[in-house]
C-alpha cells in the first residue's frame, strides 16, 4: 500500500497522461519478456539468475529507447520503480525470509527479532507459529525488512542532516578524520560530542565530510534503494552480524541460501577508496539490481546529466549559491561512478 501511495503521488507530479504513456511502454516490454511469474522463483544455479537478469535488462533497454526520462527518473530516485519491479522483488524477499524460518527448524539457525532472543530449542515452535499465524508471519517479515525502496528526496534529507551534523550518531570516524582532528577513530560520529562537532564543522573540508558519510550512506541519486531491488534486513548495526551476535546466524544462512532466491550481498569487504564499507544487512535482488547496474554502466553519460541536475537543484534549495557556498556534492560529483559500480560482481 505504501508503494502504491508513492506511485500515485509521483504520477500526479509528472502528469497522468505522460506517466501513463511511459508505464504502458514498460508494460509492453515486460509482457514481451514473459516475466509475469506471480509466484516464488527458485534459481537452481547462477546461470538461471543470469538468464532472468538478461530478460530484465532487455525490458529496461526497450523502455529507455522510447521513454528515456521514465527510466532515468526511476534510476536516480525521482520517481518510484514500476509496480512490476516492486511486486517481484518484494515477493522474492518474503519468499526468502519464509525459507529462512522453515529452515531454522531443521538447522542450527536461531532467529531473533526486536528484543526477542531465542534458543535452538524454540525454533520448531516458532516455525510452526509462523506457518499457522498469518499475522505473526506478516509482522515478522515486516520487522526484518528494515529498509526497502526510498526516493532521492528522502535520501536527500538523510544526506543533509548528516552533512550539517544535525542528526543522530552515524557511521564510524575514519582513521583519516581521527588523525586530522586528534579524536578517537573507530567510534561512531556523535553530534553531541564537542570534539566531534569541532572536527566536523571547523576542520574537515566539504569533500572530507562527504567521504565520511559515504562510508555507509549513499548520496541522493546513487542509492541502490532507488531501484526497488535492494533491501536492508534484520539490523543496521554491523556489530549485530559478527560471530556470536544476534543476527550472525541469519547472515550465515543468507550467504549460502540467498542466491537460490536471486539475492546477493553487493557490498563486501574491500581495500578500495571511494566505496562503501561491507554491509551484511544490505541484500540486492540480482535479476533487477544487476540489470540496472549493467544498464547504468552502458549509459553513464546520460545518467550523469540527470544526477548533476538533481544535485544542482538540492544545492540551490539548501542555499549553497550564497557567498559562503557549501559544496554538498563536490566529492560525489567526481566519484559517483566508483560508489555505484564498486560492488561484489562475483556474488553472483
Protein backbone atom coordinates (compact mmCIF):
# COMPACT_ATOMS: atom_id res chain seq x y z
CA UNK A 1 0.00 0.00 0.00
CA UNK A 2 2.84 2.40 0.83
CA UNK A 3 4.39 1.87 -2.60
CA UNK A 4 1.02 2.47 -4.28
CA UNK A 5 0.65 5.80 -2.48
CA UNK A 6 4.11 6.88 -3.70
CA UNK A 7 3.27 5.82 -7.25
CA UNK A 8 0.01 7.76 -7.28
CA UNK A 9 1.73 10.82 -5.80
CA UNK A 10 4.50 10.93 -8.37
CA UNK A 11 2.06 10.23 -11.18
CA UNK A 12 0.24 13.42 -10.23
CA UNK A 13 3.54 15.36 -10.26
CA UNK A 14 4.59 14.11 -13.69
CA UNK A 15 1.17 14.38 -15.21
CA UNK A 16 -1.21 11.45 -15.64
CA UNK A 17 -1.00 11.25 -19.42
CA UNK A 18 2.81 11.26 -19.79
CA UNK A 19 3.28 8.90 -16.88
CA UNK A 20 0.62 6.52 -18.18
CA UNK A 21 2.18 6.50 -21.66
CA UNK A 22 5.62 5.67 -20.27
CA UNK A 23 4.21 2.99 -17.99
CA UNK A 24 2.34 1.46 -20.95
CA UNK A 25 5.63 1.27 -22.83
CA UNK A 26 7.22 -0.53 -19.90
CA UNK A 27 4.19 -2.83 -19.60
CA UNK A 28 4.51 -3.92 -23.21
CA UNK A 29 8.22 -4.66 -22.87
CA UNK A 30 7.64 -6.54 -19.62
CA UNK A 31 4.88 -8.64 -21.18
CA UNK A 32 7.05 -9.40 -24.23
CA UNK A 33 9.84 -10.64 -21.92
CA UNK A 34 7.42 -13.10 -20.29
CA UNK A 35 8.37 -12.11 -16.74
CA UNK A 36 4.91 -12.48 -15.18
CA UNK A 37 5.52 -15.47 -12.88
CA UNK A 38 3.37 -14.43 -9.91
CA UNK A 39 4.94 -16.99 -7.56
CA UNK A 40 8.13 -17.62 -5.65
CA UNK A 41 11.05 -18.20 -8.02
CA UNK A 42 13.71 -20.76 -7.16
CA UNK A 43 17.00 -20.36 -9.04
CA UNK A 44 18.79 -23.68 -9.44
CA UNK A 45 22.15 -22.02 -10.17
CA UNK A 46 23.77 -18.74 -11.13
CA UNK A 47 23.04 -19.36 -14.80
CA UNK A 48 19.32 -19.24 -14.00
CA UNK A 49 19.82 -15.90 -12.21
CA UNK A 50 21.76 -14.62 -15.20
CA UNK A 51 19.01 -15.65 -17.62
CA UNK A 52 16.36 -13.67 -15.73
CA UNK A 53 18.75 -10.73 -15.37
CA UNK A 54 19.15 -10.65 -19.16
CA UNK A 55 15.37 -10.56 -19.61
CA UNK A 56 15.00 -7.68 -17.16
CA UNK A 57 17.81 -5.79 -18.90
CA UNK A 58 16.00 -6.20 -22.23
CA UNK A 59 12.86 -4.65 -20.69
CA UNK A 60 14.81 -1.69 -19.31
CA UNK A 61 16.64 -1.06 -22.59
CA UNK A 62 13.43 -1.31 -24.62
CA UNK A 63 11.70 1.18 -22.33
CA UNK A 64 14.72 3.50 -22.48
CA UNK A 65 14.56 3.63 -26.26
CA UNK A 66 11.02 5.03 -26.19
CA UNK A 67 10.86 6.72 -22.76
CA UNK A 68 14.39 7.62 -21.55
CA UNK A 69 13.13 10.12 -18.97
CA UNK A 70 10.94 7.44 -17.36
CA UNK A 71 13.93 5.13 -16.85
CA UNK A 72 16.28 7.94 -15.83
CA UNK A 73 13.87 9.28 -13.22
CA UNK A 74 13.45 5.78 -11.81
CA UNK A 75 17.19 5.17 -11.58
CA UNK A 76 18.08 8.45 -9.86
CA UNK A 77 15.17 8.22 -7.44
CA UNK A 78 12.89 10.97 -8.72
CA UNK A 79 10.03 8.53 -9.29
CA UNK A 80 9.32 5.07 -7.88
CA UNK A 81 10.14 1.88 -9.76
CA UNK A 82 7.45 0.36 -11.98
CA UNK A 83 4.98 -1.70 -9.92
CA UNK A 84 6.12 -4.93 -11.60
CA UNK A 85 9.60 -4.37 -10.16
CA UNK A 86 8.33 -3.83 -6.64
CA UNK A 87 5.98 -6.81 -6.89
CA UNK A 88 8.73 -9.26 -7.91
CA UNK A 89 11.45 -8.03 -5.57
CA UNK A 90 9.18 -7.89 -2.52
CA UNK A 91 7.70 -11.30 -3.31
CA UNK A 92 11.16 -12.83 -3.65
CA UNK A 93 12.38 -11.16 -0.47
CA UNK A 94 9.43 -12.53 1.51
CA UNK A 95 9.83 -15.98 -0.06
CA UNK A 96 13.48 -15.97 1.00
CA UNK A 97 12.69 -14.96 4.58
CA UNK A 98 9.99 -17.61 4.82
CA UNK A 99 12.53 -20.21 3.72
CA UNK A 100 14.86 -18.95 6.43
CA UNK A 101 12.20 -19.54 9.08
CA UNK A 102 11.26 -23.01 7.88
CA UNK A 103 14.95 -24.00 7.58
CA UNK A 104 15.51 -22.96 11.20
CA UNK A 105 13.51 -25.98 12.33
CA UNK A 106 16.00 -28.41 10.76
CA UNK A 107 19.28 -26.48 11.00
CA UNK A 108 21.29 -24.72 13.71
CA UNK A 109 19.88 -21.29 12.81
CA UNK A 110 18.49 -19.35 15.78
CA UNK A 111 16.23 -16.48 14.73
CA UNK A 112 15.93 -13.22 16.65
CA UNK A 113 13.91 -10.03 16.15
CA UNK A 114 13.47 -6.83 18.09
CA UNK A 115 14.39 -7.53 21.70
CA UNK A 116 13.37 -11.17 21.30
CA UNK A 117 16.28 -13.57 21.94
CA UNK A 118 15.57 -17.21 21.18
CA UNK A 119 17.27 -20.57 21.51
CA UNK A 120 17.65 -23.55 19.22
CA UNK A 121 15.05 -25.49 21.16
CA UNK A 122 12.47 -22.74 20.50
CA UNK A 123 12.81 -22.86 16.72
CA UNK A 124 10.30 -25.69 15.98
CA UNK A 125 7.53 -23.86 17.87
CA UNK A 126 8.38 -20.55 16.21
CA UNK A 127 8.41 -22.16 12.77
CA UNK A 128 5.03 -23.78 13.46
CA UNK A 129 3.53 -20.49 14.67
CA UNK A 130 4.95 -18.71 11.62
CA UNK A 131 3.25 -21.28 9.39
CA UNK A 132 -0.14 -21.10 11.14
CA UNK A 133 -0.43 -17.47 12.22
CA UNK A 134 -0.57 -15.09 9.24
CA UNK A 135 -0.47 -12.03 11.45
CA UNK A 136 2.69 -13.26 13.19
CA UNK A 137 4.23 -14.07 9.81
CA UNK A 138 3.40 -10.64 8.41
CA UNK A 139 4.73 -8.83 11.49
CA UNK A 140 7.97 -10.79 11.49
CA UNK A 141 8.62 -10.22 7.78
CA UNK A 142 7.89 -6.53 8.24
CA UNK A 143 10.21 -6.23 11.24
CA UNK A 144 13.09 -7.97 9.47
CA UNK A 145 12.73 -5.61 6.50
CA UNK A 146 14.50 -2.59 7.93
CA UNK A 147 14.51 -0.59 4.69
CA UNK A 148 13.24 -1.04 1.14
CA UNK A 149 12.53 1.48 -1.64
CA UNK A 150 13.11 5.14 -0.95
CA UNK A 151 13.37 8.03 -3.35
CA UNK A 152 16.04 10.67 -3.74
CA UNK A 153 14.01 13.23 -1.80
CA UNK A 154 14.01 11.04 1.31
CA UNK A 155 17.67 10.20 0.71
CA UNK A 156 18.46 13.91 0.46
CA UNK A 157 17.02 14.51 3.94
CA UNK A 158 19.31 11.84 5.33
CA UNK A 159 22.27 13.36 3.48
CA UNK A 160 21.55 16.94 4.52
CA UNK A 161 21.14 16.07 8.20
CA UNK A 162 24.46 14.23 8.25
CA UNK A 163 26.32 16.85 6.20
CA UNK A 164 25.17 19.64 8.53
CA UNK A 165 25.73 17.40 11.59
CA UNK A 166 22.13 17.80 12.76
CA UNK A 167 21.40 14.11 13.19
CA UNK A 168 21.82 11.07 15.38
CA UNK A 169 25.10 9.19 15.60
CA UNK A 170 26.17 7.62 12.31
CA UNK A 171 28.98 5.67 10.62
CA UNK A 172 32.45 5.42 12.11
CA UNK A 173 35.15 8.05 12.45
CA UNK A 174 37.74 7.17 9.82
CA UNK A 175 41.43 6.95 10.61
CA UNK A 176 41.93 9.96 8.36
CA UNK A 177 39.44 12.13 10.26
CA UNK A 178 40.74 10.88 13.62
CA UNK A 179 44.26 11.93 12.68
CA UNK A 180 43.15 15.31 11.35
CA UNK A 181 41.19 16.16 14.49
CA UNK A 182 43.04 14.16 17.15
CA UNK A 183 39.94 12.26 18.14
CA UNK A 184 39.44 8.55 18.67
CA UNK A 185 38.95 6.60 15.46
CA UNK A 186 36.56 3.69 15.04
CA UNK A 187 33.82 5.27 17.15
CA UNK A 188 30.59 6.45 15.59
CA UNK A 189 30.28 10.12 14.71
CA UNK A 190 28.35 11.71 17.56
CA UNK A 191 26.88 15.22 17.02
CA UNK A 192 26.56 15.53 20.80
CA UNK A 193 30.32 15.40 21.49
CA UNK A 194 32.16 18.76 21.45
CA UNK A 195 35.28 17.21 19.89
CA UNK A 196 33.24 15.68 17.09
CA UNK A 197 31.33 18.92 16.50
CA UNK A 198 34.54 20.95 16.25
CA UNK A 199 36.16 18.41 13.94
CA UNK A 200 33.17 18.15 11.63
CA UNK A 201 32.32 21.82 11.38
CA UNK A 202 35.70 23.51 11.71
CA UNK A 203 38.38 21.09 10.50
CA UNK A 204 37.04 18.75 7.84
CA UNK A 205 36.51 20.10 4.33
CA UNK A 206 33.27 19.64 2.42
CA UNK A 207 34.86 16.79 0.46
CA UNK A 208 36.07 15.12 3.65
CA UNK A 209 32.61 15.33 5.23
CA UNK A 210 31.12 13.68 2.16
CA UNK A 211 33.69 10.89 2.32
CA UNK A 212 32.85 10.24 5.96
CA UNK A 213 29.14 9.99 5.14
CA UNK A 214 29.76 7.80 2.11
CA UNK A 215 31.35 5.09 4.20
CA UNK A 216 27.86 3.67 4.74
CA UNK A 217 25.32 6.13 3.30
CA UNK A 218 24.67 6.84 -0.36
CA UNK A 219 24.15 10.30 -1.75
CA UNK A 220 20.72 11.02 -3.21
CA UNK A 221 20.58 9.83 -6.79
CA UNK A 222 23.09 6.99 -6.49
CA UNK A 223 21.46 4.80 -3.84
CA UNK A 224 20.51 1.29 -4.96
CA UNK A 225 17.44 1.71 -2.77
CA UNK A 226 16.05 4.00 -5.52
CA UNK A 227 15.86 1.00 -7.83
CA UNK A 228 13.41 -1.13 -5.83
CA UNK A 229 15.85 -4.05 -5.98
CA UNK A 230 17.62 -3.68 -2.63
CA UNK A 231 16.68 -4.24 1.00
CA UNK A 232 18.25 -3.74 4.40
CA UNK A 233 17.44 -6.80 6.50
CA UNK A 234 17.49 -7.70 10.22
CA UNK A 235 19.55 -4.79 11.62
CA UNK A 236 21.55 -1.73 10.57
CA UNK A 237 24.21 -2.22 13.24
CA UNK A 238 27.28 -4.01 11.82
CA UNK A 239 28.17 -5.43 15.24
CA UNK A 240 24.95 -7.45 15.26
CA UNK A 241 26.23 -9.64 12.40
CA UNK A 242 29.53 -10.66 13.98
CA UNK A 243 30.09 -14.19 15.26
CA UNK A 244 28.10 -14.82 18.43
CA UNK A 245 25.88 -11.76 17.95
CA UNK A 246 22.13 -11.54 17.36
CA UNK A 247 22.00 -11.84 13.57
CA UNK A 248 25.10 -13.81 12.70
CA UNK A 249 23.01 -16.95 12.16
CA UNK A 250 20.70 -15.15 9.74
CA UNK A 251 23.63 -13.68 7.81
CA UNK A 252 25.39 -17.06 7.66
CA UNK A 253 22.23 -18.66 6.26
CA UNK A 254 21.87 -15.85 3.71
CA UNK A 255 25.42 -16.27 2.44
CA UNK A 256 24.62 -19.85 1.42
CA UNK A 257 20.94 -19.71 0.51
CA UNK A 258 20.03 -16.18 -0.64
CA UNK A 259 21.19 -16.80 -4.22
CA UNK A 260 18.55 -19.53 -4.60
CA UNK A 261 16.00 -16.72 -4.31
CA UNK A 262 18.03 -14.33 -6.50
CA UNK A 263 19.64 -12.23 -3.76
CA UNK A 264 23.27 -11.36 -3.12
CA UNK A 265 25.23 -9.04 -0.81
CA UNK A 266 26.58 -6.24 -3.06
CA UNK A 267 28.89 -4.58 -0.53
CA UNK A 268 31.65 -6.98 0.52
CA UNK A 269 35.00 -6.36 2.28
CA UNK A 270 37.48 -4.47 0.08
CA UNK A 271 40.51 -2.20 0.21
CA UNK A 272 39.28 0.38 -2.29
CA UNK A 273 38.87 4.09 -1.77
CA UNK A 274 35.63 5.84 -2.73
CA UNK A 275 33.48 2.79 -1.99
CA UNK A 276 31.05 1.75 0.72
CA UNK A 277 32.03 -0.44 3.65
CA UNK A 278 30.88 -4.04 3.95
CA UNK A 279 27.14 -4.10 4.70
CA UNK A 280 25.97 -7.50 5.87
CA UNK A 281 22.42 -6.20 6.13
CA UNK A 282 22.20 -4.99 2.51
CA UNK A 283 20.83 -7.53 0.01
CA UNK A 284 20.06 -6.98 -3.67
CA UNK A 285 17.72 -8.91 -5.95
CA UNK A 286 20.11 -9.70 -8.78
CA UNK A 287 17.74 -10.01 -11.76
CA UNK A 288 16.71 -6.38 -11.30
CA UNK A 289 19.70 -4.93 -9.43
CA UNK A 290 22.33 -6.40 -11.74
CA UNK A 291 20.28 -5.48 -14.81
CA UNK A 292 20.16 -1.86 -13.64
CA UNK A 293 23.87 -1.88 -12.79
CA UNK A 294 24.70 -3.03 -16.32
CA UNK A 295 22.28 -0.52 -17.78
CA UNK A 296 23.88 2.28 -15.74
CA UNK A 297 27.34 1.23 -16.93
CA UNK A 298 26.18 1.48 -20.56
CA UNK A 299 24.53 4.89 -20.08
CA UNK A 300 26.88 6.70 -17.70
CA UNK A 301 26.89 9.98 -19.60
CA UNK A 302 23.09 10.25 -19.70
CA UNK A 303 22.79 9.33 -16.02
CA UNK A 304 25.50 11.83 -15.17
CA UNK A 305 23.41 14.61 -16.70
CA UNK A 306 20.35 13.59 -14.66
CA UNK A 307 22.39 13.32 -11.45
CA UNK A 308 24.06 16.69 -11.97
CA UNK A 309 20.70 18.38 -12.50
CA UNK A 310 19.33 16.81 -9.33
CA UNK A 311 22.35 17.75 -7.21
CA UNK A 312 22.23 21.30 -8.59
CA UNK A 313 18.61 21.51 -7.51
CA UNK A 314 19.31 20.21 -4.00
CA UNK A 315 22.26 22.57 -3.50
CA UNK A 316 20.26 25.53 -4.76
CA UNK A 317 17.42 24.82 -2.35
CA UNK A 318 19.87 24.30 0.52
CA UNK A 319 21.44 27.70 -0.04
CA UNK A 320 24.84 26.74 -1.48
CA UNK A 321 24.59 29.56 -4.03
CA UNK A 322 25.26 32.11 -1.31
CA UNK A 323 28.61 33.82 -0.83
CA UNK A 324 29.52 31.33 1.89
CA UNK A 325 28.91 28.49 -0.54
CA UNK A 326 28.90 24.93 0.77
CA UNK A 327 29.53 22.08 -1.60
CA UNK A 328 27.17 19.31 -0.58
CA UNK A 329 28.08 17.05 -3.51
CA UNK A 330 31.54 18.12 -4.74
CA UNK A 331 33.21 14.77 -3.98
CA UNK A 332 30.14 12.84 -5.10
CA UNK A 333 30.08 14.59 -8.48
CA UNK A 334 33.65 13.47 -9.16
CA UNK A 335 33.42 9.91 -7.84
CA UNK A 336 29.79 8.76 -8.19
CA UNK A 337 30.80 6.01 -10.63
CA UNK A 338 33.15 4.49 -8.05
CA UNK A 339 30.36 4.27 -5.49
CA UNK A 340 27.79 2.94 -7.96
CA UNK A 341 29.95 0.29 -9.59
CA UNK A 342 32.15 -0.96 -6.74
CA UNK A 343 30.09 -3.99 -5.84
CA UNK A 344 30.82 -7.69 -5.47
CA UNK A 345 30.18 -8.84 -9.03
CA UNK A 346 31.07 -12.49 -8.36
CA UNK A 347 28.20 -12.92 -5.91
CA UNK A 348 26.52 -13.59 -8.27
